[in-house]
């Protein structure tokens, strides 16, 4: 949330953003803002994990999924 948006929200309710209220809203807005876009698995990644799981290697399939998601999202 930008400073202008914070001011706009306060003004919408007839308030003036000052001091602690403004600082608190600004801190909360920064804390909850998304850091980056999540990147999921492609169909072929998912299919590969399913094929591994079908052979009974569930742990390996889960580890493969975890590694691919970590690689894509870090």
PDB file of N, CA and C in Angstrom:
ATOM      1  N   UNK A   1       0.851  -1.164   0.000  1.00  0.00           N
ATOM      2  CA  UNK A   1       0.000   0.000   0.000  1.00  0.00           C
ATOM      3  C   UNK A   1       0.902   1.233   0.000  1.00  0.00           C
ATOM      4  N   UNK A   2       0.618   2.128  -0.877  1.00  0.00           N
ATOM      5  CA  UNK A   2       1.426   3.336  -0.985  1.00  0.00           C
ATOM      6  C   UNK A   2       0.987   4.362   0.058  1.00  0.00           C
ATOM      7  N   UNK A   3       1.845   5.348   0.286  1.00  0.00           N
ATOM      8  CA  UNK A   3       1.496   6.420   1.221  1.00  0.00           C
ATOM      9  C   UNK A   3       0.231   7.146   0.776  1.00  0.00           C
ATOM     10  N   UNK A   4       0.111   7.368  -0.532  1.00  0.00           N
ATOM     11  CA  UNK A   4      -1.083   8.047  -1.048  1.00  0.00           C
ATOM     12  C   UNK A   4      -2.339   7.243  -0.766  1.00  0.00           C
ATOM     13  N   UNK A   5      -2.261   5.931  -0.910  1.00  0.00           N
ATOM     14  CA  UNK A   5      -3.422   5.074  -0.652  1.00  0.00           C
ATOM     15  C   UNK A   5      -3.781   5.091   0.834  1.00  0.00           C
ATOM     16  N   UNK A   6      -2.766   5.085   1.702  1.00  0.00           N
ATOM     17  CA  UNK A   6      -3.022   5.158   3.145  1.00  0.00           C
ATOM     18  C   UNK A   6      -3.755   6.455   3.473  1.00  0.00           C
ATOM     19  N   UNK A   7      -3.264   7.568   2.927  1.00  0.00           N
ATOM     20  CA  UNK A   7      -3.910   8.862   3.160  1.00  0.00           C
ATOM     21  C   UNK A   7      -5.342   8.859   2.630  1.00  0.00           C
ATOM     22  N   UNK A   8      -5.530   8.265   1.467  1.00  0.00           N
ATOM     23  CA  UNK A   8      -6.858   8.193   0.854  1.00  0.00           C
ATOM     24  C   UNK A   8      -7.835   7.429   1.743  1.00  0.00           C
ATOM     25  N   UNK A   9      -7.390   6.311   2.305  1.00  0.00           N
ATOM     26  CA  UNK A   9      -8.258   5.511   3.178  1.00  0.00           C
ATOM     27  C   UNK A   9      -8.630   6.304   4.421  1.00  0.00           C
ATOM     28  N   UNK A  10      -7.651   6.968   5.040  1.00  0.00           N
ATOM     29  CA  UNK A  10      -7.951   7.781   6.210  1.00  0.00           C
ATOM     30  C   UNK A  10      -8.950   8.884   5.875  1.00  0.00           C
ATOM     31  N   UNK A  11      -8.702   9.589   4.778  1.00  0.00           N
ATOM     32  CA  UNK A  11      -9.566  10.695   4.389  1.00  0.00           C
ATOM     33  C   UNK A  11     -10.976  10.230   4.054  1.00  0.00           C
ATOM     34  N   UNK A  12     -11.086   9.014   3.555  1.00  0.00           N
ATOM     35  CA  UNK A  12     -12.398   8.439   3.238  1.00  0.00           C
ATOM     36  C   UNK A  12     -13.281   8.375   4.486  1.00  0.00           C
ATOM     37  N   UNK A  13     -12.660   8.193   5.642  1.00  0.00           N
ATOM     38  CA  UNK A  13     -13.398   8.114   6.903  1.00  0.00           C
ATOM     39  C   UNK A  13     -13.317   9.411   7.702  1.00  0.00           C
ATOM     40  N   UNK A  14     -12.913  10.501   7.013  1.00  0.00           N
ATOM     41  CA  UNK A  14     -12.880  11.793   7.663  1.00  0.00           C
ATOM     42  C   UNK A  14     -11.757  11.957   8.662  1.00  0.00           C
ATOM     43  N   UNK A  15     -10.699  11.187   8.515  1.00  0.00           N
ATOM     44  CA  UNK A  15      -9.571  11.240   9.442  1.00  0.00           C
ATOM     45  C   UNK A  15      -8.341  11.779   8.731  1.00  0.00           C
ATOM     46  N   UNK A  16      -7.420  12.282   9.505  1.00  0.00           N
ATOM     47  CA  UNK A  16      -6.139  12.740   8.974  1.00  0.00           C
ATOM     48  C   UNK A  16      -5.081  11.773   9.495  1.00  0.00           C
ATOM     49  N   UNK A  17      -4.339  11.138   8.594  1.00  0.00           N
ATOM     50  CA  UNK A  17      -3.340  10.160   9.042  1.00  0.00           C
ATOM     51  C   UNK A  17      -2.145  10.842   9.704  1.00  0.00           C
ATOM     52  N   UNK A  18      -2.038  10.669  11.010  1.00  0.00           N
ATOM     53  CA  UNK A  18      -0.954  11.297  11.759  1.00  0.00           C
ATOM     54  C   UNK A  18      -0.280  10.301  12.696  1.00  0.00           C
ATOM     55  N   UNK A  19       0.957  10.556  12.976  1.00  0.00           N
ATOM     56  CA  UNK A  19       1.694   9.879  14.034  1.00  0.00           C
ATOM     57  C   UNK A  19       1.629   8.376  14.038  1.00  0.00           C
ATOM     58  N   UNK A  20       1.253   7.840  15.205  1.00  0.00           N
ATOM     59  CA  UNK A  20       1.287   6.393  15.427  1.00  0.00           C
ATOM     60  C   UNK A  20       0.325   5.631  14.517  1.00  0.00           C
ATOM     61  N   UNK A  21      -0.862   6.198  14.286  1.00  0.00           N
ATOM     62  CA  UNK A  21      -1.823   5.522  13.404  1.00  0.00           C
ATOM     63  C   UNK A  21      -1.234   5.335  12.013  1.00  0.00           C
ATOM     64  N   UNK A  22      -0.658   6.415  11.491  1.00  0.00           N
ATOM     65  CA  UNK A  22      -0.075   6.362  10.151  1.00  0.00           C
ATOM     66  C   UNK A  22       1.078   5.362  10.109  1.00  0.00           C
ATOM     67  N   UNK A  23       1.939   5.413  11.106  1.00  0.00           N
ATOM     68  CA  UNK A  23       3.093   4.509  11.155  1.00  0.00           C
ATOM     69  C   UNK A  23       2.648   3.057  11.256  1.00  0.00           C
ATOM     70  N   UNK A  24       1.622   2.802  12.065  1.00  0.00           N
ATOM     71  CA  UNK A  24       1.119   1.439  12.227  1.00  0.00           C
ATOM     72  C   UNK A  24       0.531   0.909  10.926  1.00  0.00           C
ATOM     73  N   UNK A  25      -0.320   1.702  10.279  1.00  0.00           N
ATOM     74  CA  UNK A  25      -0.920   1.270   9.017  1.00  0.00           C
ATOM     75  C   UNK A  25       0.155   1.030   7.966  1.00  0.00           C
ATOM     76  N   UNK A  26       1.128   1.914   7.913  1.00  0.00           N
ATOM     77  CA  UNK A  26       2.215   1.767   6.941  1.00  0.00           C
ATOM     78  C   UNK A  26       3.010   0.477   7.204  1.00  0.00           C
ATOM     79  N   UNK A  27       3.302   0.190   8.466  1.00  0.00           N
ATOM     80  CA  UNK A  27       4.052  -1.024   8.822  1.00  0.00           C
ATOM     81  C   UNK A  27       3.261  -2.280   8.486  1.00  0.00           C
ATOM     82  N   UNK A  28       1.965  -2.273   8.770  1.00  0.00           N
ATOM     83  CA  UNK A  28       1.118  -3.429   8.461  1.00  0.00           C
ATOM     84  C   UNK A  28       1.045  -3.640   6.952  1.00  0.00           C
ATOM     85  N   UNK A  29       0.880  -2.562   6.206  1.00  0.00           N
ATOM     86  CA  UNK A  29       0.780  -2.665   4.749  1.00  0.00           C
ATOM     87  C   UNK A  29       2.045  -3.281   4.161  1.00  0.00           C
ATOM     88  N   UNK A  30       3.196  -2.898   4.668  1.00  0.00           N
ATOM     89  CA  UNK A  30       4.444  -3.470   4.168  1.00  0.00           C
ATOM     90  C   UNK A  30       4.601  -4.923   4.576  1.00  0.00           C
ATOM     91  N   UNK A  31       4.131  -5.256   5.777  1.00  0.00           N
ATOM     92  CA  UNK A  31       4.282  -6.632   6.269  1.00  0.00           C
ATOM     93  C   UNK A  31       3.424  -7.625   5.498  1.00  0.00           C
ATOM     94  N   UNK A  32       2.252  -7.205   5.050  1.00  0.00           N
ATOM     95  CA  UNK A  32       1.349  -8.135   4.379  1.00  0.00           C
ATOM     96  C   UNK A  32       1.428  -8.067   2.859  1.00  0.00           C
ATOM     97  N   UNK A  33       2.231  -7.173   2.339  1.00  0.00           N
ATOM     98  CA  UNK A  33       2.361  -7.061   0.883  1.00  0.00           C
ATOM     99  C   UNK A  33       3.036  -8.315   0.323  1.00  0.00           C
ATOM    100  N   UNK A  34       2.538  -8.829  -0.793  1.00  0.00           N
ATOM    101  CA  UNK A  34       3.168 -10.014  -1.379  1.00  0.00           C
ATOM    102  C   UNK A  34       4.600  -9.695  -1.790  1.00  0.00           C
ATOM    103  N   UNK A  35       5.481 -10.623  -1.512  1.00  0.00           N
ATOM    104  CA  UNK A  35       6.890 -10.421  -1.796  1.00  0.00           C
ATOM    105  C   UNK A  35       7.223 -10.719  -3.252  1.00  0.00           C
ATOM    106  N   UNK A  36       6.616 -11.759  -3.796  1.00  0.00           N
ATOM    107  CA  UNK A  36       6.847 -12.115  -5.192  1.00  0.00           C
ATOM    108  C   UNK A  36       5.723 -13.040  -5.659  1.00  0.00           C
ATOM    109  N   UNK A  37       5.636 -13.233  -6.936  1.00  0.00           N
ATOM    110  CA  UNK A  37       4.614 -14.095  -7.510  1.00  0.00           C
ATOM    111  C   UNK A  37       5.023 -15.555  -7.334  1.00  0.00           C
ATOM    112  N   UNK A  38       4.063 -16.372  -6.890  1.00  0.00           N
ATOM    113  CA  UNK A  38       4.306 -17.798  -6.703  1.00  0.00           C
ATOM    114  C   UNK A  38       4.381 -18.474  -8.064  1.00  0.00           C
ATOM    115  N   UNK A  39       5.360 -19.356  -8.229  1.00  0.00           N
ATOM    116  CA  UNK A  39       5.502 -20.121  -9.461  1.00  0.00           C
ATOM    117  C   UNK A  39       5.249 -21.580  -9.122  1.00  0.00           C
ATOM    118  N   UNK A  40       4.241 -22.158  -9.749  1.00  0.00           N
ATOM    119  CA  UNK A  40       3.867 -23.544  -9.481  1.00  0.00           C
ATOM    120  C   UNK A  40       4.566 -24.510 -10.412  1.00  0.00           C
ATOM    121  N   UNK A  41       4.142 -25.755 -10.334  1.00  0.00           N
ATOM    122  CA  UNK A  41       4.713 -26.798 -11.181  1.00  0.00           C
ATOM    123  C   UNK A  41       4.098 -26.774 -12.569  1.00  0.00           C
ATOM    124  N   UNK A  42       4.901 -27.122 -13.535  1.00  0.00           N
ATOM    125  CA  UNK A  42       4.382 -27.326 -14.890  1.00  0.00           C
ATOM    126  C   UNK A  42       3.758 -28.707 -14.936  1.00  0.00           C
ATOM    127  N   UNK A  43       2.938 -28.951 -15.944  1.00  0.00           N
ATOM    128  CA  UNK A  43       2.271 -30.248 -16.070  1.00  0.00           C
ATOM    129  C   UNK A  43       3.275 -31.391 -16.128  1.00  0.00           C
ATOM    130  N   UNK A  44       4.382 -31.184 -16.846  1.00  0.00           N
ATOM    131  CA  UNK A  44       5.371 -32.269 -16.961  1.00  0.00           C
ATOM    132  C   UNK A  44       6.063 -32.557 -15.621  1.00  0.00           C
ATOM    133  N   UNK A  45       6.250 -31.531 -14.783  1.00  0.00           N
ATOM    134  CA  UNK A  45       6.822 -31.751 -13.451  1.00  0.00           C
ATOM    135  C   UNK A  45       5.874 -32.582 -12.601  1.00  0.00           C
ATOM    136  N   UNK A  46       4.594 -32.218 -12.654  1.00  0.00           N
ATOM    137  CA  UNK A  46       3.580 -32.934 -11.892  1.00  0.00           C
ATOM    138  C   UNK A  46       3.455 -34.377 -12.379  1.00  0.00           C
ATOM    139  N   UNK A  47       3.467 -34.569 -13.697  1.00  0.00           N
ATOM    140  CA  UNK A  47       3.363 -35.914 -14.272  1.00  0.00           C
ATOM    141  C   UNK A  47       4.543 -36.778 -13.843  1.00  0.00           C
ATOM    142  N   UNK A  48       5.730 -36.196 -13.850  1.00  0.00           N
ATOM    143  CA  UNK A  48       6.927 -36.939 -13.423  1.00  0.00           C
ATOM    144  C   UNK A  48       6.785 -37.408 -11.977  1.00  0.00           C
ATOM    145  N   UNK A  49       6.315 -36.535 -11.103  1.00  0.00           N
ATOM    146  CA  UNK A  49       6.134 -36.906  -9.699  1.00  0.00           C
ATOM    147  C   UNK A  49       5.065 -37.984  -9.549  1.00  0.00           C
ATOM    148  N   UNK A  50       3.995 -37.891 -10.336  1.00  0.00           N
ATOM    149  CA  UNK A  50       2.943 -38.908 -10.287  1.00  0.00           C
ATOM    150  C   UNK A  50       3.464 -40.269 -10.723  1.00  0.00           C
ATOM    151  N   UNK A  51       4.295 -40.278 -11.760  1.00  0.00           N
ATOM    152  CA  UNK A  51       4.864 -41.538 -12.242  1.00  0.00           C
ATOM    153  C   UNK A  51       5.772 -42.165 -11.187  1.00  0.00           C
ATOM    154  N   UNK A  52       6.524 -41.344 -10.492  1.00  0.00           N
ATOM    155  CA  UNK A  52       7.379 -41.853  -9.416  1.00  0.00           C
ATOM    156  C   UNK A  52       6.515 -42.422  -8.295  1.00  0.00           C
ATOM    157  N   UNK A  53       5.434 -41.716  -7.939  1.00  0.00           N
ATOM    158  CA  UNK A  53       4.545 -42.169  -6.876  1.00  0.00           C
ATOM    159  C   UNK A  53       3.836 -43.464  -7.259  1.00  0.00           C
ATOM    160  N   UNK A  54       3.483 -43.615  -8.529  1.00  0.00           N
ATOM    161  CA  UNK A  54       2.813 -44.835  -8.982  1.00  0.00           C
ATOM    162  C   UNK A  54       3.690 -46.067  -8.790  1.00  0.00           C
ATOM    163  N   UNK A  55       4.993 -45.871  -8.808  1.00  0.00           N
ATOM    164  CA  UNK A  55       5.919 -46.991  -8.578  1.00  0.00           C
ATOM    165  C   UNK A  55       6.127 -47.254  -7.095  1.00  0.00           C
ATOM    166  N   UNK A  56       5.383 -46.495  -6.246  1.00  0.00           N
ATOM    167  CA  UNK A  56       5.453 -46.716  -4.804  1.00  0.00           C
ATOM    168  C   UNK A  56       6.493 -45.862  -4.100  1.00  0.00           C
ATOM    169  N   UNK A  57       7.154 -44.992  -4.825  1.00  0.00           N
ATOM    170  CA  UNK A  57       8.190 -44.151  -4.239  1.00  0.00           C
ATOM    171  C   UNK A  57       7.614 -42.780  -3.856  1.00  0.00           C
ATOM    172  N   UNK A  58       6.676 -42.789  -2.915  1.00  0.00           N
ATOM    173  CA  UNK A  58       5.990 -41.555  -2.529  1.00  0.00           C
ATOM    174  C   UNK A  58       6.957 -40.519  -1.955  1.00  0.00           C
ATOM    175  N   UNK A  59       7.878 -40.966  -1.115  1.00  0.00           N
ATOM    176  CA  UNK A  59       8.823 -40.034  -0.510  1.00  0.00           C
ATOM    177  C   UNK A  59       9.670 -39.353  -1.575  1.00  0.00           C
ATOM    178  N   UNK A  60      10.138 -40.123  -2.535  1.00  0.00           N
ATOM    179  CA  UNK A  60      10.940 -39.560  -3.625  1.00  0.00           C
ATOM    180  C   UNK A  60      10.099 -38.574  -4.439  1.00  0.00           C
ATOM    181  N   UNK A  61       8.847 -38.905  -4.692  1.00  0.00           N
ATOM    182  CA  UNK A  61       7.954 -38.019  -5.448  1.00  0.00           C
ATOM    183  C   UNK A  61       7.759 -36.693  -4.703  1.00  0.00           C
ATOM    184  N   UNK A  62       7.504 -36.778  -3.390  1.00  0.00           N
ATOM    185  CA  UNK A  62       7.328 -35.564  -2.597  1.00  0.00           C
ATOM    186  C   UNK A  62       8.609 -34.738  -2.550  1.00  0.00           C
ATOM    187  N   UNK A  63       9.743 -35.416  -2.423  1.00  0.00           N
ATOM    188  CA  UNK A  63      11.020 -34.702  -2.401  1.00  0.00           C
ATOM    189  C   UNK A  63      11.288 -34.015  -3.735  1.00  0.00           C
ATOM    190  N   UNK A  64      10.929 -34.665  -4.827  1.00  0.00           N
ATOM    191  CA  UNK A  64      11.107 -34.075  -6.157  1.00  0.00           C
ATOM    192  C   UNK A  64      10.240 -32.829  -6.314  1.00  0.00           C
ATOM    193  N   UNK A  65       8.978 -32.926  -5.867  1.00  0.00           N
ATOM    194  CA  UNK A  65       8.075 -31.774  -5.925  1.00  0.00           C
ATOM    195  C   UNK A  65       8.625 -30.632  -5.074  1.00  0.00           C
ATOM    196  N   UNK A  66       9.046 -30.958  -3.865  1.00  0.00           N
ATOM    197  CA  UNK A  66       9.582 -29.940  -2.965  1.00  0.00           C
ATOM    198  C   UNK A  66      10.801 -29.252  -3.576  1.00  0.00           C
ATOM    199  N   UNK A  67      11.711 -30.020  -4.147  1.00  0.00           N
ATOM    200  CA  UNK A  67      12.927 -29.463  -4.741  1.00  0.00           C
ATOM    201  C   UNK A  67      12.599 -28.555  -5.933  1.00  0.00           C
ATOM    202  N   UNK A  68      11.659 -28.995  -6.770  1.00  0.00           N
ATOM    203  CA  UNK A  68      11.307 -28.190  -7.950  1.00  0.00           C
ATOM    204  C   UNK A  68      10.641 -26.881  -7.539  1.00  0.00           C
ATOM    205  N   UNK A  69       9.730 -26.930  -6.557  1.00  0.00           N
ATOM    206  CA  UNK A  69       9.068 -25.710  -6.097  1.00  0.00           C
ATOM    207  C   UNK A  69      10.062 -24.763  -5.427  1.00  0.00           C
ATOM    208  N   UNK A  70      10.968 -25.323  -4.655  1.00  0.00           N
ATOM    209  CA  UNK A  70      11.988 -24.494  -4.006  1.00  0.00           C
ATOM    210  C   UNK A  70      12.862 -23.826  -5.039  1.00  0.00           C
ATOM    211  N   UNK A  71      13.255 -24.583  -6.058  1.00  0.00           N
ATOM    212  CA  UNK A  71      14.113 -24.034  -7.119  1.00  0.00           C
ATOM    213  C   UNK A  71      13.413 -22.916  -7.881  1.00  0.00           C
ATOM    214  N   UNK A  72      12.122 -23.103  -8.157  1.00  0.00           N
ATOM    215  CA  UNK A  72      11.381 -22.118  -8.937  1.00  0.00           C
ATOM    216  C   UNK A  72      11.065 -20.857  -8.140  1.00  0.00           C
ATOM    217  N   UNK A  73      10.975 -20.965  -6.821  1.00  0.00           N
ATOM    218  CA  UNK A  73      10.494 -19.862  -5.993  1.00  0.00           C
ATOM    219  C   UNK A  73      11.549 -19.244  -5.084  1.00  0.00           C
ATOM    220  N   UNK A  74      12.803 -19.528  -5.327  1.00  0.00           N
ATOM    221  CA  UNK A  74      13.862 -18.881  -4.536  1.00  0.00           C
ATOM    222  C   UNK A  74      14.823 -18.182  -5.427  1.00  0.00           C
TER     223      UNK A  74
END
